Amino acid sequence: MYMVSRRLTNNGSRLTASEARMNLFAYGTLMWPEVLEAVMGRRMTGGSSTLPGYTRLRAKERHYPVVIQCLEDSVEGVLYTGLTEREFQCLDAFEGEEYDRIEVELGGVRAQVYVLSNAWKHIATHEPWTPDQLRPEHVALFR
């Protein structure tokens, strides 16, 4: 993960950690703007993006997915830009210990993504998960 305290503004002044902006690649429940808003406190619009080298699987007894490394696959999702460190702290709390936040490069853009932690690999099924599996009643749980 790169150090946000070293990021510079356009005029060359240093950004503080709370002012620095980072990007998020979302592949599950956070693809829905209303879920992201419930977690972070603001609504954002993202753009389509693809995470190469990972696969998205259904988690056991849960309505959301996980991603694990798989070199021959890729995951379609949403890229949100301009998140603050404080917003990532909210996301870290939301994702919990099941996930590790890592930095990836998506077509020349650095982004943070939550991948399944090694300690939680047992919750991954072998079944692919697609966004249409998240029903409206699941999304409503986050409001």
Protein backbone atom coordinates (compact mmCIF):
# COMPACT_ATOMS: atom_id res chain seq x y z
CA MET A 1 0.00 0.00 0.00
CA TYR A 2 1.40 3.42 -0.87
CA MET A 3 1.75 6.10 1.77
CA VAL A 4 -1.03 8.66 1.50
CA SER A 5 0.86 11.22 3.56
CA ARG A 6 3.26 11.72 0.64
CA ARG A 7 0.59 12.60 -1.91
CA LEU A 8 0.80 16.12 -3.30
CA THR A 9 -1.86 18.53 -4.50
CA ASN A 10 -1.65 20.17 -7.93
CA ASN A 11 0.16 23.16 -6.41
CA GLY A 12 2.78 20.94 -4.74
CA SER A 13 1.62 21.25 -1.14
CA ARG A 14 1.36 18.08 0.95
CA LEU A 15 -1.99 16.51 1.66
CA THR A 16 -2.68 15.23 5.14
CA ALA A 17 -3.80 11.61 5.53
CA SER A 18 -7.40 12.77 6.01
CA GLU A 19 -7.28 14.89 2.82
CA ALA A 20 -5.55 12.35 0.57
CA ARG A 21 -7.76 10.67 -1.99
CA MET A 22 -7.71 7.00 -2.90
CA ASN A 23 -9.74 4.76 -5.15
CA LEU A 24 -11.90 1.72 -4.34
CA PHE A 25 -12.65 -1.26 -6.56
CA ALA A 26 -15.98 -2.76 -5.46
CA TYR A 27 -17.20 -6.15 -6.66
CA GLY A 28 -20.04 -7.06 -4.27
CA THR A 29 -22.47 -5.18 -2.06
CA LEU A 30 -20.45 -1.96 -2.31
CA MET A 31 -21.26 -1.81 -6.03
CA TRP A 32 -24.66 -0.44 -4.96
CA PRO A 33 -24.38 3.32 -4.27
CA GLU A 34 -26.96 3.12 -1.48
CA VAL A 35 -24.86 0.52 0.37
CA LEU A 36 -21.70 2.58 -0.04
CA GLU A 37 -23.59 5.64 1.22
CA ALA A 38 -24.84 3.75 4.29
CA VAL A 39 -21.27 2.74 5.14
CA MET A 40 -19.42 5.99 4.34
CA GLY A 41 -22.06 8.66 4.72
CA ARG A 42 -22.01 9.98 1.17
CA ARG A 43 -23.31 8.78 -2.19
CA MET A 44 -20.82 8.25 -4.97
CA THR A 45 -21.02 7.32 -8.62
CA GLY A 46 -18.43 4.95 -9.98
CA GLY A 47 -17.42 3.59 -13.36
CA SER A 48 -17.07 0.06 -14.67
CA SER A 49 -13.73 -1.62 -14.14
CA THR A 50 -12.17 -5.10 -14.17
CA LEU A 51 -9.91 -6.72 -11.59
CA PRO A 52 -7.60 -9.21 -13.36
CA GLY A 53 -6.14 -12.23 -11.60
CA TYR A 54 -9.04 -12.79 -9.18
CA THR A 55 -12.30 -14.70 -9.14
CA ARG A 56 -15.54 -13.82 -7.36
CA LEU A 57 -17.19 -16.60 -5.36
CA ARG A 58 -20.26 -16.96 -3.18
CA ALA A 59 -19.52 -16.99 0.54
CA LYS A 60 -21.01 -19.84 2.58
CA GLU A 61 -24.28 -18.93 4.31
CA ARG A 62 -23.98 -15.28 3.27
CA HIS A 63 -25.59 -13.18 0.55
CA TYR A 64 -22.37 -11.45 -0.49
CA PRO A 65 -19.30 -12.56 -2.43
CA VAL A 66 -15.59 -12.85 -1.76
CA VAL A 67 -12.69 -12.57 -4.17
CA ILE A 68 -9.65 -14.79 -4.15
CA GLN A 69 -6.62 -14.88 -6.40
CA CYS A 70 -7.08 -16.85 -9.62
CA LEU A 71 -4.67 -15.92 -12.40
CA GLU A 72 -6.91 -17.16 -15.22
CA ASP A 73 -9.99 -15.18 -14.20
CA SER A 74 -11.10 -11.58 -13.70
CA VAL A 75 -13.86 -9.79 -11.81
CA GLU A 76 -16.15 -7.08 -13.16
CA GLY A 77 -16.97 -4.32 -10.72
CA VAL A 78 -17.15 -0.61 -10.02
CA LEU A 79 -14.26 1.81 -9.53
CA TYR A 80 -14.99 4.67 -7.14
CA THR A 81 -12.48 7.52 -7.06
CA GLY A 82 -11.64 10.18 -4.51
CA LEU A 83 -12.25 8.43 -1.18
CA THR A 84 -10.60 9.76 1.97
CA GLU A 85 -8.68 7.81 4.59
CA ARG A 86 -11.59 8.40 7.00
CA GLU A 87 -13.97 6.82 4.49
CA PHE A 88 -11.63 3.84 4.18
CA GLN A 89 -11.66 3.51 7.95
CA CYS A 90 -15.46 3.18 7.74
CA LEU A 91 -15.08 0.61 4.96
CA ASP A 92 -12.45 -1.32 6.97
CA ALA A 93 -14.88 -1.57 9.87
CA PHE A 94 -17.70 -2.65 7.54
CA GLU A 95 -15.62 -5.36 5.85
CA GLY A 96 -14.25 -6.66 9.15
CA GLU A 97 -11.63 -9.30 9.77
CA GLU A 98 -12.82 -11.51 6.90
CA TYR A 99 -11.09 -9.24 4.40
CA ASP A 100 -7.67 -7.73 3.80
CA ARG A 101 -7.47 -4.40 2.00
CA ILE A 102 -4.80 -4.48 -0.68
CA GLU A 103 -3.71 -2.14 -3.44
CA VAL A 104 -4.04 -3.20 -7.06
CA GLU A 105 -3.47 -1.55 -10.40
CA LEU A 106 -6.41 -1.39 -12.79
CA GLY A 107 -5.33 -0.12 -16.19
CA GLY A 108 -2.82 2.32 -14.75
CA VAL A 109 -5.04 3.41 -11.84
CA ARG A 110 -4.19 2.40 -8.28
CA ALA A 111 -7.13 1.21 -6.23
CA GLN A 112 -7.86 -0.47 -2.93
CA VAL A 113 -9.80 -3.74 -2.97
CA TYR A 114 -11.00 -6.03 -0.19
CA VAL A 115 -9.89 -9.63 -0.75
CA LEU A 116 -10.73 -12.64 1.39
CA SER A 117 -8.22 -13.05 4.22
CA ASN A 118 -6.30 -16.35 4.31
CA ALA A 119 -7.71 -17.03 7.77
CA TRP A 120 -11.24 -16.93 6.30
CA LYS A 121 -10.71 -19.03 3.13
CA HIS A 122 -13.07 -21.63 4.59
CA ILE A 123 -16.09 -19.40 3.88
CA ALA A 124 -15.47 -19.37 0.12
CA THR A 125 -17.55 -21.80 -1.92
CA HIS A 126 -16.62 -23.00 -5.40
CA GLU A 127 -19.75 -21.34 -6.80
CA PRO A 128 -19.40 -18.12 -8.80
CA TRP A 129 -21.32 -15.09 -7.52
CA THR A 130 -22.93 -12.58 -9.85
CA PRO A 131 -24.43 -9.19 -8.94
CA ASP A 132 -27.94 -10.35 -9.85
CA GLN A 133 -27.77 -12.71 -6.85
CA LEU A 134 -27.97 -9.72 -4.48
CA ARG A 135 -31.71 -9.22 -4.15
CA PRO A 136 -33.40 -5.94 -3.16
CA GLU A 137 -34.13 -7.27 0.34
CA HIS A 138 -30.38 -7.84 0.84
CA VAL A 139 -29.57 -4.29 -0.25
CA ALA A 140 -32.28 -2.98 2.11
CA LEU A 141 -30.40 -4.50 5.07
CA PHE A 142 -27.74 -1.80 4.64
CA ARG A 143 -30.03 1.24 4.72
